[in-house]
mmCIF file of all heavy atoms, coordinates in Angstrom:
data_MODEL
# 
_entry.id   MODEL 
# 
loop_
_atom_site.group_PDB 
_atom_site.id 
_atom_site.type_symbol 
_atom_site.label_atom_id 
_atom_site.label_alt_id 
_atom_site.label_comp_id 
_atom_site.label_asym_id 
_atom_site.label_entity_id 
_atom_site.label_seq_id 
_atom_site.pdbx_PDB_ins_code 
_atom_site.Cartn_x 
_atom_site.Cartn_y 
_atom_site.Cartn_z 
_atom_site.occupancy 
_atom_site.B_iso_or_equiv 
_atom_site.pdbx_formal_charge 
_atom_site.auth_seq_id 
_atom_site.auth_comp_id 
_atom_site.auth_asym_id 
_atom_site.auth_atom_id 
_atom_site.pdbx_PDB_model_num 
ATOM 1   N N   . PRO A 1 1  ? 39.089 -29.164 39.184 1.00 0.00 ? 1  PRO A N   1 
ATOM 2   C CA  . PRO A 1 1  ? 38.235 -29.964 38.366 1.00 0.00 ? 1  PRO A CA  1 
ATOM 3   C C   . PRO A 1 1  ? 37.054 -28.900 37.980 1.00 0.00 ? 1  PRO A C   1 
ATOM 4   O O   . PRO A 1 1  ? 36.515 -28.233 38.753 1.00 0.00 ? 1  PRO A O   1 
ATOM 5   C CB  . PRO A 1 1  ? 37.654 -31.084 39.185 1.00 0.00 ? 1  PRO A CB  1 
ATOM 6   C CG  . PRO A 1 1  ? 38.653 -31.255 40.326 1.00 0.00 ? 1  PRO A CG  1 
ATOM 7   C CD  . PRO A 1 1  ? 39.162 -29.953 40.594 1.00 0.00 ? 1  PRO A CD  1 
ATOM 8   N N   . VAL A 1 2  ? 36.744 -29.012 36.666 1.00 0.00 ? 2  VAL A N   1 
ATOM 9   C CA  . VAL A 1 2  ? 35.574 -28.125 35.988 1.00 0.00 ? 2  VAL A CA  1 
ATOM 10  C C   . VAL A 1 2  ? 34.310 -28.844 36.450 1.00 0.00 ? 2  VAL A C   1 
ATOM 11  O O   . VAL A 1 2  ? 34.214 -30.108 36.260 1.00 0.00 ? 2  VAL A O   1 
ATOM 12  C CB  . VAL A 1 2  ? 35.852 -27.882 34.619 1.00 0.00 ? 2  VAL A CB  1 
ATOM 13  C CG1 . VAL A 1 2  ? 35.820 -29.223 33.824 1.00 0.00 ? 2  VAL A CG1 1 
ATOM 14  C CG2 . VAL A 1 2  ? 34.843 -26.849 34.042 1.00 0.00 ? 2  VAL A CG2 1 
ATOM 15  N N   . SER A 1 3  ? 33.394 -28.200 36.838 1.00 0.00 ? 3  SER A N   1 
ATOM 16  C CA  . SER A 1 3  ? 32.033 -28.736 37.276 1.00 0.00 ? 3  SER A CA  1 
ATOM 17  C C   . SER A 1 3  ? 30.973 -28.708 36.024 1.00 0.00 ? 3  SER A C   1 
ATOM 18  O O   . SER A 1 3  ? 31.358 -28.016 34.889 1.00 0.00 ? 3  SER A O   1 
ATOM 19  C CB  . SER A 1 3  ? 31.521 -27.709 38.214 1.00 0.00 ? 3  SER A CB  1 
ATOM 20  O OG  . SER A 1 3  ? 31.090 -26.571 37.805 1.00 0.00 ? 3  SER A OG  1 
ATOM 21  N N   . ASN A 1 4  ? 29.964 -29.436 36.208 1.00 0.00 ? 4  ASN A N   1 
ATOM 22  C CA  . ASN A 1 4  ? 28.928 -29.353 35.234 1.00 0.00 ? 4  ASN A CA  1 
ATOM 23  C C   . ASN A 1 4  ? 28.445 -27.825 34.744 1.00 0.00 ? 4  ASN A C   1 
ATOM 24  O O   . ASN A 1 4  ? 28.420 -27.640 33.630 1.00 0.00 ? 4  ASN A O   1 
ATOM 25  C CB  . ASN A 1 4  ? 27.674 -30.204 35.624 1.00 0.00 ? 4  ASN A CB  1 
ATOM 26  C CG  . ASN A 1 4  ? 27.864 -31.715 35.605 1.00 0.00 ? 4  ASN A CG  1 
ATOM 27  O OD1 . ASN A 1 4  ? 28.320 -32.220 34.680 1.00 0.00 ? 4  ASN A OD1 1 
ATOM 28  N ND2 . ASN A 1 4  ? 27.675 -32.313 36.750 1.00 0.00 ? 4  ASN A ND2 1 
ATOM 29  N N   . ALA A 1 5  ? 28.166 -27.160 35.918 1.00 0.00 ? 5  ALA A N   1 
ATOM 30  C CA  . ALA A 1 5  ? 27.764 -25.765 35.684 1.00 0.00 ? 5  ALA A CA  1 
ATOM 31  C C   . ALA A 1 5  ? 28.837 -24.929 34.901 1.00 0.00 ? 5  ALA A C   1 
ATOM 32  O O   . ALA A 1 5  ? 28.534 -24.176 33.997 1.00 0.00 ? 5  ALA A O   1 
ATOM 33  C CB  . ALA A 1 5  ? 27.644 -25.105 37.069 1.00 0.00 ? 5  ALA A CB  1 
ATOM 34  N N   . GLU A 1 6  ? 30.108 -25.163 35.326 1.00 0.00 ? 6  GLU A N   1 
ATOM 35  C CA  . GLU A 1 6  ? 31.282 -24.334 34.672 1.00 0.00 ? 6  GLU A CA  1 
ATOM 36  C C   . GLU A 1 6  ? 31.398 -24.633 33.240 1.00 0.00 ? 6  GLU A C   1 
ATOM 37  O O   . GLU A 1 6  ? 31.490 -23.815 32.297 1.00 0.00 ? 6  GLU A O   1 
ATOM 38  C CB  . GLU A 1 6  ? 32.576 -24.508 35.462 1.00 0.00 ? 6  GLU A CB  1 
ATOM 39  C CG  . GLU A 1 6  ? 32.559 -23.821 36.772 1.00 0.00 ? 6  GLU A CG  1 
ATOM 40  C CD  . GLU A 1 6  ? 33.768 -24.199 37.569 1.00 0.00 ? 6  GLU A CD  1 
ATOM 41  O OE1 . GLU A 1 6  ? 34.240 -25.386 37.420 1.00 0.00 ? 6  GLU A OE1 1 
ATOM 42  O OE2 . GLU A 1 6  ? 34.094 -23.438 38.402 1.00 0.00 ? 6  GLU A OE2 1 
ATOM 43  N N   . PHE A 1 7  ? 31.326 -26.048 32.891 1.00 0.00 ? 7  PHE A N   1 
ATOM 44  C CA  . PHE A 1 7  ? 31.490 -26.425 31.498 1.00 0.00 ? 7  PHE A CA  1 
ATOM 45  C C   . PHE A 1 7  ? 30.501 -25.988 30.698 1.00 0.00 ? 7  PHE A C   1 
ATOM 46  O O   . PHE A 1 7  ? 30.613 -25.559 29.594 1.00 0.00 ? 7  PHE A O   1 
ATOM 47  C CB  . PHE A 1 7  ? 31.832 -27.858 31.490 1.00 0.00 ? 7  PHE A CB  1 
ATOM 48  C CG  . PHE A 1 7  ? 32.244 -28.326 30.134 1.00 0.00 ? 7  PHE A CG  1 
ATOM 49  C CD1 . PHE A 1 7  ? 33.408 -27.830 29.635 1.00 0.00 ? 7  PHE A CD1 1 
ATOM 50  C CD2 . PHE A 1 7  ? 31.418 -29.173 29.227 1.00 0.00 ? 7  PHE A CD2 1 
ATOM 51  C CE1 . PHE A 1 7  ? 33.992 -28.266 28.284 1.00 0.00 ? 7  PHE A CE1 1 
ATOM 52  C CE2 . PHE A 1 7  ? 32.015 -29.552 28.032 1.00 0.00 ? 7  PHE A CE2 1 
ATOM 53  C CZ  . PHE A 1 7  ? 33.263 -29.098 27.645 1.00 0.00 ? 7  PHE A CZ  1 
ATOM 54  N N   . ALA A 1 8  ? 29.112 -26.209 31.177 1.00 0.00 ? 8  ALA A N   1 
ATOM 55  C CA  . ALA A 1 8  ? 27.928 -25.727 30.382 1.00 0.00 ? 8  ALA A CA  1 
ATOM 56  C C   . ALA A 1 8  ? 28.078 -24.229 30.170 1.00 0.00 ? 8  ALA A C   1 
ATOM 57  O O   . ALA A 1 8  ? 27.801 -23.761 28.986 1.00 0.00 ? 8  ALA A O   1 
ATOM 58  C CB  . ALA A 1 8  ? 26.826 -26.053 31.275 1.00 0.00 ? 8  ALA A CB  1 
ATOM 59  N N   . THR A 1 9  ? 28.507 -23.415 31.076 1.00 0.00 ? 9  THR A N   1 
ATOM 60  C CA  . THR A 1 9  ? 28.642 -22.009 30.890 1.00 0.00 ? 9  THR A CA  1 
ATOM 61  C C   . THR A 1 9  ? 29.692 -21.662 29.811 1.00 0.00 ? 9  THR A C   1 
ATOM 62  O O   . THR A 1 9  ? 29.463 -20.755 29.011 1.00 0.00 ? 9  THR A O   1 
ATOM 63  C CB  . THR A 1 9  ? 28.949 -21.334 32.213 1.00 0.00 ? 9  THR A CB  1 
ATOM 64  O OG1 . THR A 1 9  ? 27.992 -21.559 33.297 1.00 0.00 ? 9  THR A OG1 1 
ATOM 65  C CG2 . THR A 1 9  ? 29.143 -19.880 32.094 1.00 0.00 ? 9  THR A CG2 1 
ATOM 66  N N   . MET A 1 10 ? 30.819 -22.382 29.871 1.00 0.00 ? 10 MET A N   1 
ATOM 67  C CA  . MET A 1 10 ? 31.946 -22.229 28.975 1.00 0.00 ? 10 MET A CA  1 
ATOM 68  C C   . MET A 1 10 ? 31.409 -22.366 27.480 1.00 0.00 ? 10 MET A C   1 
ATOM 69  O O   . MET A 1 10 ? 31.512 -21.685 26.632 1.00 0.00 ? 10 MET A O   1 
ATOM 70  C CB  . MET A 1 10 ? 33.109 -23.091 29.104 1.00 0.00 ? 10 MET A CB  1 
ATOM 71  C CG  . MET A 1 10 ? 33.781 -22.790 30.442 1.00 0.00 ? 10 MET A CG  1 
ATOM 72  S SD  . MET A 1 10 ? 35.070 -24.042 30.935 1.00 0.00 ? 10 MET A SD  1 
ATOM 73  C CE  . MET A 1 10 ? 35.697 -23.319 32.332 1.00 0.00 ? 10 MET A CE  1 
ATOM 74  N N   . ILE A 1 11 ? 30.651 -23.610 27.308 1.00 0.00 ? 11 ILE A N   1 
ATOM 75  C CA  . ILE A 1 11 ? 30.187 -24.064 25.880 1.00 0.00 ? 11 ILE A CA  1 
ATOM 76  C C   . ILE A 1 11 ? 29.219 -23.050 25.485 1.00 0.00 ? 11 ILE A C   1 
ATOM 77  O O   . ILE A 1 11 ? 29.194 -22.624 24.352 1.00 0.00 ? 11 ILE A O   1 
ATOM 78  C CB  . ILE A 1 11 ? 29.651 -25.363 25.807 1.00 0.00 ? 11 ILE A CB  1 
ATOM 79  C CG1 . ILE A 1 11 ? 30.829 -26.439 26.167 1.00 0.00 ? 11 ILE A CG1 1 
ATOM 80  C CG2 . ILE A 1 11 ? 28.992 -25.703 24.666 1.00 0.00 ? 11 ILE A CG2 1 
ATOM 81  C CD1 . ILE A 1 11 ? 31.752 -26.568 24.844 1.00 0.00 ? 11 ILE A CD1 1 
ATOM 82  N N   . VAL A 1 12 ? 28.155 -22.782 26.259 1.00 0.00 ? 12 VAL A N   1 
ATOM 83  C CA  . VAL A 1 12 ? 27.100 -21.749 25.978 1.00 0.00 ? 12 VAL A CA  1 
ATOM 84  C C   . VAL A 1 12 ? 27.634 -20.442 25.721 1.00 0.00 ? 12 VAL A C   1 
ATOM 85  O O   . VAL A 1 12 ? 27.232 -19.687 24.720 1.00 0.00 ? 12 VAL A O   1 
ATOM 86  C CB  . VAL A 1 12 ? 26.097 -21.873 26.933 1.00 0.00 ? 12 VAL A CB  1 
ATOM 87  C CG1 . VAL A 1 12 ? 24.913 -20.775 26.729 1.00 0.00 ? 12 VAL A CG1 1 
ATOM 88  C CG2 . VAL A 1 12 ? 25.265 -23.219 27.072 1.00 0.00 ? 12 VAL A CG2 1 
ATOM 89  N N   . SER A 1 13 ? 28.496 -19.994 26.559 1.00 0.00 ? 13 SER A N   1 
ATOM 90  C CA  . SER A 1 13 ? 29.136 -18.509 26.300 1.00 0.00 ? 13 SER A CA  1 
ATOM 91  C C   . SER A 1 13 ? 29.903 -18.513 24.991 1.00 0.00 ? 13 SER A C   1 
ATOM 92  O O   . SER A 1 13 ? 29.778 -17.549 24.245 1.00 0.00 ? 13 SER A O   1 
ATOM 93  C CB  . SER A 1 13 ? 30.086 -18.198 27.460 1.00 0.00 ? 13 SER A CB  1 
ATOM 94  O OG  . SER A 1 13 ? 29.381 -18.049 28.764 1.00 0.00 ? 13 SER A OG  1 
ATOM 95  N N   . ALA A 1 14 ? 30.529 -19.519 24.593 1.00 0.00 ? 14 ALA A N   1 
ATOM 96  C CA  . ALA A 1 14 ? 31.325 -19.540 23.418 1.00 0.00 ? 14 ALA A CA  1 
ATOM 97  C C   . ALA A 1 14 ? 30.448 -19.716 22.171 1.00 0.00 ? 14 ALA A C   1 
ATOM 98  O O   . ALA A 1 14 ? 30.740 -19.035 21.042 1.00 0.00 ? 14 ALA A O   1 
ATOM 99  C CB  . ALA A 1 14 ? 32.427 -20.623 23.415 1.00 0.00 ? 14 ALA A CB  1 
ATOM 100 N N   . TRP A 1 15 ? 29.397 -20.495 22.223 1.00 0.00 ? 15 TRP A N   1 
ATOM 101 C CA  . TRP A 1 15 ? 28.791 -20.846 20.915 1.00 0.00 ? 15 TRP A CA  1 
ATOM 102 C C   . TRP A 1 15 ? 27.209 -20.554 20.925 1.00 0.00 ? 15 TRP A C   1 
ATOM 103 O O   . TRP A 1 15 ? 26.591 -20.298 19.829 1.00 0.00 ? 15 TRP A O   1 
ATOM 104 C CB  . TRP A 1 15 ? 28.949 -22.342 20.685 1.00 0.00 ? 15 TRP A CB  1 
ATOM 105 C CG  . TRP A 1 15 ? 30.269 -22.824 20.463 1.00 0.00 ? 15 TRP A CG  1 
ATOM 106 C CD1 . TRP A 1 15 ? 31.183 -23.124 21.375 1.00 0.00 ? 15 TRP A CD1 1 
ATOM 107 C CD2 . TRP A 1 15 ? 30.870 -22.878 19.112 1.00 0.00 ? 15 TRP A CD2 1 
ATOM 108 N NE1 . TRP A 1 15 ? 32.351 -23.403 20.659 1.00 0.00 ? 15 TRP A NE1 1 
ATOM 109 C CE2 . TRP A 1 15 ? 32.104 -23.186 19.349 1.00 0.00 ? 15 TRP A CE2 1 
ATOM 110 C CE3 . TRP A 1 15 ? 30.356 -22.645 17.845 1.00 0.00 ? 15 TRP A CE3 1 
ATOM 111 C CZ2 . TRP A 1 15 ? 33.038 -23.483 18.223 1.00 0.00 ? 15 TRP A CZ2 1 
ATOM 112 C CZ3 . TRP A 1 15 ? 31.313 -22.838 16.769 1.00 0.00 ? 15 TRP A CZ3 1 
ATOM 113 C CH2 . TRP A 1 15 ? 32.546 -23.261 17.044 1.00 0.00 ? 15 TRP A CH2 1 
ATOM 114 N N   . TYR A 1 16 ? 26.579 -20.433 22.033 1.00 0.00 ? 16 TYR A N   1 
ATOM 115 C CA  . TYR A 1 16 ? 25.052 -20.341 22.032 1.00 0.00 ? 16 TYR A CA  1 
ATOM 116 C C   . TYR A 1 16 ? 24.655 -19.183 23.083 1.00 0.00 ? 16 TYR A C   1 
ATOM 117 O O   . TYR A 1 16 ? 23.579 -19.452 23.753 1.00 0.00 ? 16 TYR A O   1 
ATOM 118 C CB  . TYR A 1 16 ? 24.442 -21.733 22.517 1.00 0.00 ? 16 TYR A CB  1 
ATOM 119 C CG  . TYR A 1 16 ? 24.960 -22.683 21.482 1.00 0.00 ? 16 TYR A CG  1 
ATOM 120 C CD1 . TYR A 1 16 ? 25.856 -23.801 22.212 1.00 0.00 ? 16 TYR A CD1 1 
ATOM 121 C CD2 . TYR A 1 16 ? 24.563 -23.002 20.238 1.00 0.00 ? 16 TYR A CD2 1 
ATOM 122 C CE1 . TYR A 1 16 ? 26.317 -24.853 21.406 1.00 0.00 ? 16 TYR A CE1 1 
ATOM 123 C CE2 . TYR A 1 16 ? 24.935 -23.958 19.419 1.00 0.00 ? 16 TYR A CE2 1 
ATOM 124 C CZ  . TYR A 1 16 ? 25.910 -24.868 19.999 1.00 0.00 ? 16 TYR A CZ  1 
ATOM 125 O OH  . TYR A 1 16 ? 26.301 -25.992 19.194 1.00 0.00 ? 16 TYR A OH  1 
ATOM 126 N N   . PRO A 1 17 ? 25.133 -18.081 23.029 1.00 0.00 ? 17 PRO A N   1 
ATOM 127 C CA  . PRO A 1 17 ? 24.729 -16.946 23.801 1.00 0.00 ? 17 PRO A CA  1 
ATOM 128 C C   . PRO A 1 17 ? 23.267 -16.460 23.593 1.00 0.00 ? 17 PRO A C   1 
ATOM 129 O O   . PRO A 1 17 ? 22.631 -16.133 24.529 1.00 0.00 ? 17 PRO A O   1 
ATOM 130 C CB  . PRO A 1 17 ? 25.685 -15.810 23.650 1.00 0.00 ? 17 PRO A CB  1 
ATOM 131 C CG  . PRO A 1 17 ? 26.256 -16.106 22.261 1.00 0.00 ? 17 PRO A CG  1 
ATOM 132 C CD  . PRO A 1 17 ? 26.322 -17.555 22.175 1.00 0.00 ? 17 PRO A CD  1 
ATOM 133 N N   . ALA A 1 18 ? 22.848 -16.428 22.210 1.00 0.00 ? 18 ALA A N   1 
ATOM 134 C CA  . ALA A 1 18 ? 21.612 -15.941 22.008 1.00 0.00 ? 18 ALA A CA  1 
ATOM 135 C C   . ALA A 1 18 ? 20.526 -16.951 22.369 1.00 0.00 ? 18 ALA A C   1 
ATOM 136 O O   . ALA A 1 18 ? 19.465 -16.462 22.878 1.00 0.00 ? 18 ALA A O   1 
ATOM 137 C CB  . ALA A 1 18 ? 21.449 -16.007 20.342 1.00 0.00 ? 18 ALA A CB  1 
ATOM 138 N N   . GLU A 1 19 ? 20.659 -18.349 22.371 1.00 0.00 ? 19 GLU A N   1 
ATOM 139 C CA  . GLU A 1 19 ? 19.775 -19.185 22.972 1.00 0.00 ? 19 GLU A CA  1 
ATOM 140 C C   . GLU A 1 19 ? 19.639 -19.148 24.447 1.00 0.00 ? 19 GLU A C   1 
ATOM 141 O O   . GLU A 1 19 ? 18.600 -19.217 25.055 1.00 0.00 ? 19 GLU A O   1 
ATOM 142 C CB  . GLU A 1 19 ? 20.302 -20.729 22.508 1.00 0.00 ? 19 GLU A CB  1 
ATOM 143 C CG  . GLU A 1 19 ? 20.044 -21.066 21.110 1.00 0.00 ? 19 GLU A CG  1 
ATOM 144 C CD  . GLU A 1 19 ? 21.226 -20.645 20.157 1.00 0.00 ? 19 GLU A CD  1 
ATOM 145 O OE1 . GLU A 1 19 ? 22.023 -19.800 20.636 1.00 0.00 ? 19 GLU A OE1 1 
ATOM 146 O OE2 . GLU A 1 19 ? 21.277 -21.184 19.160 1.00 0.00 ? 19 GLU A OE2 1 
ATOM 147 N N   . ARG A 1 20 ? 20.820 -18.725 25.165 1.00 0.00 ? 20 ARG A N   1 
ATOM 148 C CA  . ARG A 1 20 ? 20.757 -18.589 26.587 1.00 0.00 ? 20 ARG A CA  1 
ATOM 149 C C   . ARG A 1 20 ? 19.895 -17.349 26.933 1.00 0.00 ? 20 ARG A C   1 
ATOM 150 O O   . ARG A 1 20 ? 19.141 -17.362 27.873 1.00 0.00 ? 20 ARG A O   1 
ATOM 151 C CB  . ARG A 1 20 ? 22.157 -18.380 27.194 1.00 0.00 ? 20 ARG A CB  1 
ATOM 152 C CG  . ARG A 1 20 ? 22.141 -18.305 28.622 1.00 0.00 ? 20 ARG A CG  1 
ATOM 153 C CD  . ARG A 1 20 ? 23.653 -18.370 29.291 1.00 0.00 ? 20 ARG A CD  1 
ATOM 154 N NE  . ARG A 1 20 ? 24.495 -17.432 28.558 1.00 0.00 ? 20 ARG A NE  1 
ATOM 155 C CZ  . ARG A 1 20 ? 25.805 -17.523 28.648 1.00 0.00 ? 20 ARG A CZ  1 
ATOM 156 N NH1 . ARG A 1 20 ? 26.465 -18.550 29.422 1.00 0.00 ? 20 ARG A NH1 1 
ATOM 157 N NH2 . ARG A 1 20 ? 26.537 -16.603 28.150 1.00 0.00 ? 20 ARG A NH2 1 
ATOM 158 N N   . GLU A 1 21 ? 19.969 -16.198 26.130 1.00 0.00 ? 21 GLU A N   1 
ATOM 159 C CA  . GLU A 1 21 ? 19.157 -15.067 26.342 1.00 0.00 ? 21 GLU A CA  1 
ATOM 160 C C   . GLU A 1 21 ? 17.662 -15.461 26.312 1.00 0.00 ? 21 GLU A C   1 
ATOM 161 O O   . GLU A 1 21 ? 16.911 -14.931 27.095 1.00 0.00 ? 21 GLU A O   1 
ATOM 162 C CB  . GLU A 1 21 ? 19.556 -14.023 25.359 1.00 0.00 ? 21 GLU A CB  1 
ATOM 163 C CG  . GLU A 1 21 ? 20.910 -13.356 25.492 1.00 0.00 ? 21 GLU A CG  1 
ATOM 164 C CD  . GLU A 1 21 ? 21.262 -12.269 24.520 1.00 0.00 ? 21 GLU A CD  1 
ATOM 165 O OE1 . GLU A 1 21 ? 20.257 -11.896 23.770 1.00 0.00 ? 21 GLU A OE1 1 
ATOM 166 O OE2 . GLU A 1 21 ? 22.349 -11.712 24.427 1.00 0.00 ? 21 GLU A OE2 1 
ATOM 167 N N   . LEU A 1 22 ? 17.257 -16.210 25.375 1.00 0.00 ? 22 LEU A N   1 
ATOM 168 C CA  . LEU A 1 22 ? 15.895 -16.706 25.366 1.00 0.00 ? 22 LEU A CA  1 
ATOM 169 C C   . LEU A 1 22 ? 15.521 -17.372 26.647 1.00 0.00 ? 22 LEU A C   1 
ATOM 170 O O   . LEU A 1 22 ? 14.405 -17.288 27.086 1.00 0.00 ? 22 LEU A O   1 
ATOM 171 C CB  . LEU A 1 22 ? 15.611 -17.546 24.032 1.00 0.00 ? 22 LEU A CB  1 
ATOM 172 C CG  . LEU A 1 22 ? 15.483 -16.836 22.652 1.00 0.00 ? 22 LEU A CG  1 
ATOM 173 C CD1 . LEU A 1 22 ? 15.154 -17.786 21.597 1.00 0.00 ? 22 LEU A CD1 1 
ATOM 174 C CD2 . LEU A 1 22 ? 14.372 -15.736 22.813 1.00 0.00 ? 22 LEU A CD2 1 
ATOM 175 N N   . VAL A 1 23 ? 16.379 -18.357 27.023 1.00 0.00 ? 23 VAL A N   1 
ATOM 176 C CA  . VAL A 1 23 ? 16.082 -19.098 28.231 1.00 0.00 ? 23 VAL A CA  1 
ATOM 177 C C   . VAL A 1 23 ? 15.940 -18.140 29.453 1.00 0.00 ? 23 VAL A C   1 
ATOM 178 O O   . VAL A 1 23 ? 14.928 -18.213 30.237 1.00 0.00 ? 23 VAL A O   1 
ATOM 179 C CB  . VAL A 1 23 ? 17.194 -20.160 28.540 1.00 0.00 ? 23 VAL A CB  1 
ATOM 180 C CG1 . VAL A 1 23 ? 16.961 -20.794 29.799 1.00 0.00 ? 23 VAL A CG1 1 
ATOM 181 C CG2 . VAL A 1 23 ? 17.157 -21.131 27.384 1.00 0.00 ? 23 VAL A CG2 1 
ATOM 182 N N   . GLN A 1 24 ? 16.758 -17.277 29.497 1.00 0.00 ? 24 GLN A N   1 
ATOM 183 C CA  . GLN A 1 24 ? 16.692 -16.292 30.514 1.00 0.00 ? 24 GLN A CA  1 
ATOM 184 C C   . GLN A 1 24 ? 15.358 -15.483 30.563 1.00 0.00 ? 24 GLN A C   1 
ATOM 185 O O   . GLN A 1 24 ? 14.959 -15.077 31.694 1.00 0.00 ? 24 GLN A O   1 
ATOM 186 C CB  . GLN A 1 24 ? 17.904 -15.308 30.609 1.00 0.00 ? 24 GLN A CB  1 
ATOM 187 C CG  . GLN A 1 24 ? 19.245 -15.932 30.885 1.00 0.00 ? 24 GLN A CG  1 
ATOM 188 C CD  . GLN A 1 24 ? 20.444 -15.077 30.568 1.00 0.00 ? 24 GLN A CD  1 
ATOM 189 O OE1 . GLN A 1 24 ? 20.442 -14.227 29.707 1.00 0.00 ? 24 GLN A OE1 1 
ATOM 190 N NE2 . GLN A 1 24 ? 21.494 -15.292 31.382 1.00 0.00 ? 24 GLN A NE2 1 
ATOM 191 N N   . LYS A 1 25 ? 14.904 -15.194 29.438 1.00 0.00 ? 25 LYS A N   1 
ATOM 192 C CA  . LYS A 1 25 ? 13.612 -14.477 29.309 1.00 0.00 ? 25 LYS A CA  1 
ATOM 193 C C   . LYS A 1 25 ? 12.432 -15.238 29.547 1.00 0.00 ? 25 LYS A C   1 
ATOM 194 O O   . LYS A 1 25 ? 11.419 -14.680 30.147 1.00 0.00 ? 25 LYS A O   1 
ATOM 195 C CB  . LYS A 1 25 ? 13.624 -13.850 27.862 1.00 0.00 ? 25 LYS A CB  1 
ATOM 196 C CG  . LYS A 1 25 ? 14.512 -12.664 27.612 1.00 0.00 ? 25 LYS A CG  1 
ATOM 197 C CD  . LYS A 1 25 ? 14.350 -12.186 26.208 1.00 0.00 ? 25 LYS A CD  1 
ATOM 198 C CE  . LYS A 1 25 ? 15.369 -11.176 25.818 1.00 0.00 ? 25 LYS A CE  1 
ATOM 199 N NZ  . LYS A 1 25 ? 15.224 -10.528 24.427 1.00 0.00 ? 25 LYS A NZ  1 
ATOM 200 N N   . HIS A 1 26 ? 12.504 -16.535 29.275 1.00 0.00 ? 26 HIS A N   1 
ATOM 201 C CA  . HIS A 1 26 ? 11.199 -17.328 29.222 1.00 0.00 ? 26 HIS A CA  1 
ATOM 202 C C   . HIS A 1 26 ? 11.184 -18.289 30.274 1.00 0.00 ? 26 HIS A C   1 
ATOM 203 O O   . HIS A 1 26 ? 10.180 -19.109 30.379 1.00 0.00 ? 26 HIS A O   1 
ATOM 204 C CB  . HIS A 1 26 ? 10.992 -17.889 27.806 1.00 0.00 ? 26 HIS A CB  1 
ATOM 205 C CG  . HIS A 1 26 ? 10.754 -16.948 26.801 1.00 0.00 ? 26 HIS A CG  1 
ATOM 206 N ND1 . HIS A 1 26 ? 9.616  -16.229 26.576 1.00 0.00 ? 26 HIS A ND1 1 
ATOM 207 C CD2 . HIS A 1 26 ? 11.566 -16.452 25.850 1.00 0.00 ? 26 HIS A CD2 1 
ATOM 208 C CE1 . HIS A 1 26 ? 9.710  -15.370 25.616 1.00 0.00 ? 26 HIS A CE1 1 
ATOM 209 N NE2 . HIS A 1 26 ? 10.935 -15.471 25.020 1.00 0.00 ? 26 HIS A NE2 1 
ATOM 210 N N   . MET A 1 27 ? 12.240 -18.640 30.923 1.00 0.00 ? 27 MET A N   1 
ATOM 211 C CA  . MET A 1 27 ? 12.320 -19.754 31.960 1.00 0.00 ? 27 MET A CA  1 
ATOM 212 C C   . MET A 1 27 ? 12.707 -19.191 33.363 1.00 0.00 ? 27 MET A C   1 
ATOM 213 O O   . MET A 1 27 ? 13.260 -18.153 33.583 1.00 0.00 ? 27 MET A O   1 
ATOM 214 C CB  . MET A 1 27 ? 13.226 -20.848 31.406 1.00 0.00 ? 27 MET A CB  1 
ATOM 215 C CG  . MET A 1 27 ? 12.929 -21.393 30.137 1.00 0.00 ? 27 MET A CG  1 
ATOM 216 S SD  . MET A 1 27 ? 13.701 -22.984 29.644 1.00 0.00 ? 27 MET A SD  1 
ATOM 217 C CE  . MET A 1 27 ? 12.862 -24.142 30.857 1.00 0.00 ? 27 MET A CE  1 
ATOM 218 N N   . SER A 1 28 ? 12.327 -20.033 34.317 1.00 0.00 ? 28 SER A N   1 
ATOM 219 C CA  . SER A 1 28 ? 12.700 -19.735 35.770 1.00 0.00 ? 28 SER A CA  1 
ATOM 220 C C   . SER A 1 28 ? 14.258 -19.885 35.903 1.00 0.00 ? 28 SER A C   1 
ATOM 221 O O   . SER A 1 28 ? 14.694 -20.999 35.668 1.00 0.00 ? 28 SER A O   1 
ATOM 222 C CB  . SER A 1 28 ? 11.829 -20.633 36.657 1.00 0.00 ? 28 SER A CB  1 
ATOM 223 O OG  . SER A 1 28 ? 12.358 -20.469 37.960 1.00 0.00 ? 28 SER A OG  1 
ATOM 224 N N   . ILE A 1 29 ? 14.847 -18.905 36.420 1.00 0.00 ? 29 ILE A N   1 
ATOM 225 C CA  . ILE A 1 29 ? 16.323 -18.812 36.806 1.00 0.00 ? 29 ILE A CA  1 
ATOM 226 C C   . ILE A 1 29 ? 16.361 -18.640 38.236 1.00 0.00 ? 29 ILE A C   1 
ATOM 227 O O   . ILE A 1 29 ? 16.112 -17.578 38.853 1.00 0.00 ? 29 ILE A O   1 
ATOM 228 C CB  . ILE A 1 29 ? 17.006 -17.688 35.934 1.00 0.00 ? 29 ILE A CB  1 
ATOM 229 C CG1 . ILE A 1 29 ? 16.737 -17.938 34.418 1.00 0.00 ? 29 ILE A CG1 1 
ATOM 230 C CG2 . ILE A 1 29 ? 18.432 -17.852 36.275 1.00 0.00 ? 29 ILE A CG2 1 
ATOM 231 C CD1 . ILE A 1 29 ? 17.205 -19.307 33.904 1.00 0.00 ? 29 ILE A CD1 1 
# 
């Protein structure tokens, strides 16, 4: 079964990698 984390990573990797880069720079990870 695909998890919440895995599916979010799939969608963001495919369509929104630039937005994720901003989150990585400006938010707590």
